[in-house]
Amino acid sequence: MCSSRIIEEILSSKTPDGYYVIPARKGAKEFLEEMGEAILLWSGGETVIIKVKSRSLAKKIIRILAKNKLLQ
């Protein structure tokens, strides 16, 4: 299970344009495509960077990725 400390650490800051940034492993892309939410992704090598505007959506994504051991 994902601890609240990890969630708060990731959500503690936003980018200047107002996005939460979630670093994840390569396999996270498949999980996120199933969600069908508005998410900006950048993929490079073994890392996927997820950018989300909504705090509640970011929490949901972090919990799903942590459960599946896909957080970077």
Protein backbone atom coordinates (compact mmCIF):
# COMPACT_ATOMS: atom_id res chain seq x y z
CA MET A 1 0.00 0.00 0.00
CA CYS A 2 1.12 3.53 -0.71
CA SER A 3 1.97 5.57 2.35
CA SER A 4 0.61 9.07 2.72
CA ARG A 5 4.20 10.31 3.08
CA ILE A 6 4.97 9.26 -0.50
CA ILE A 7 1.79 10.88 -1.79
CA GLU A 8 2.47 14.14 0.03
CA GLU A 9 6.10 14.17 -1.10
CA ILE A 10 5.09 13.91 -4.76
CA LEU A 11 2.23 16.39 -4.41
CA SER A 12 4.22 18.91 -2.36
CA SER A 13 5.14 20.99 -5.38
CA LYS A 14 3.78 21.91 -8.78
CA THR A 15 5.42 23.00 -11.98
CA PRO A 16 5.22 26.74 -12.81
CA ASP A 17 2.34 25.96 -15.19
CA GLY A 18 0.33 24.25 -12.41
CA TYR A 19 0.91 20.53 -13.02
CA TYR A 20 1.77 17.79 -10.55
CA VAL A 21 4.68 15.69 -11.82
CA ILE A 22 4.75 11.95 -11.12
CA PRO A 23 7.88 9.97 -12.08
CA ALA A 24 7.10 6.37 -12.98
CA ARG A 25 8.56 3.28 -14.59
CA LYS A 26 8.04 2.39 -18.24
CA GLY A 27 5.15 -0.04 -17.56
CA ALA A 28 2.99 2.76 -16.12
CA LYS A 29 2.00 3.91 -19.59
CA GLU A 30 -0.33 0.93 -20.12
CA PHE A 31 -2.14 1.54 -16.80
CA LEU A 32 -2.68 5.19 -17.63
CA GLU A 33 -4.00 4.54 -21.13
CA GLU A 34 -6.78 2.45 -19.57
CA MET A 35 -7.83 5.32 -17.30
CA GLY A 36 -8.78 7.58 -20.20
CA GLU A 37 -8.13 10.79 -18.22
CA ALA A 38 -6.40 13.90 -19.52
CA ILE A 39 -2.75 13.20 -18.71
CA LEU A 40 0.39 14.54 -20.35
CA LEU A 41 3.16 11.96 -20.68
CA TRP A 42 6.81 12.15 -21.54
CA SER A 43 8.64 8.89 -22.02
CA GLY A 44 12.38 8.43 -22.20
CA GLY A 45 14.21 5.16 -21.67
CA GLU A 46 12.95 3.43 -18.54
CA THR A 47 11.20 6.52 -17.13
CA VAL A 48 7.76 7.96 -17.79
CA ILE A 49 6.94 11.47 -16.54
CA ILE A 50 3.25 12.01 -15.85
CA LYS A 51 1.84 15.53 -15.59
CA VAL A 52 -1.63 16.03 -14.11
CA LYS A 53 -3.56 19.21 -13.23
CA SER A 54 -5.98 17.59 -10.76
CA ARG A 55 -4.70 16.82 -7.25
CA SER A 56 -7.30 14.07 -6.73
CA LEU A 57 -6.38 12.43 -10.04
CA ALA A 58 -2.69 12.63 -9.12
CA LYS A 59 -3.42 10.85 -5.80
CA LYS A 60 -5.37 8.16 -7.64
CA ILE A 61 -2.52 7.63 -10.13
CA ILE A 62 0.12 7.51 -7.38
CA ARG A 63 -1.85 4.87 -5.46
CA ILE A 64 -2.34 2.71 -8.57
CA LEU A 65 1.32 2.97 -9.57
CA ALA A 66 2.57 2.27 -6.03
CA LYS A 67 0.30 -0.78 -5.77
CA ASN A 68 1.80 -2.12 -8.99
CA LYS A 69 5.37 -1.12 -8.04
CA LEU A 70 5.63 1.34 -10.93
CA LEU A 71 6.60 4.53 -9.09
CA GLN A 72 10.12 5.72 -9.89
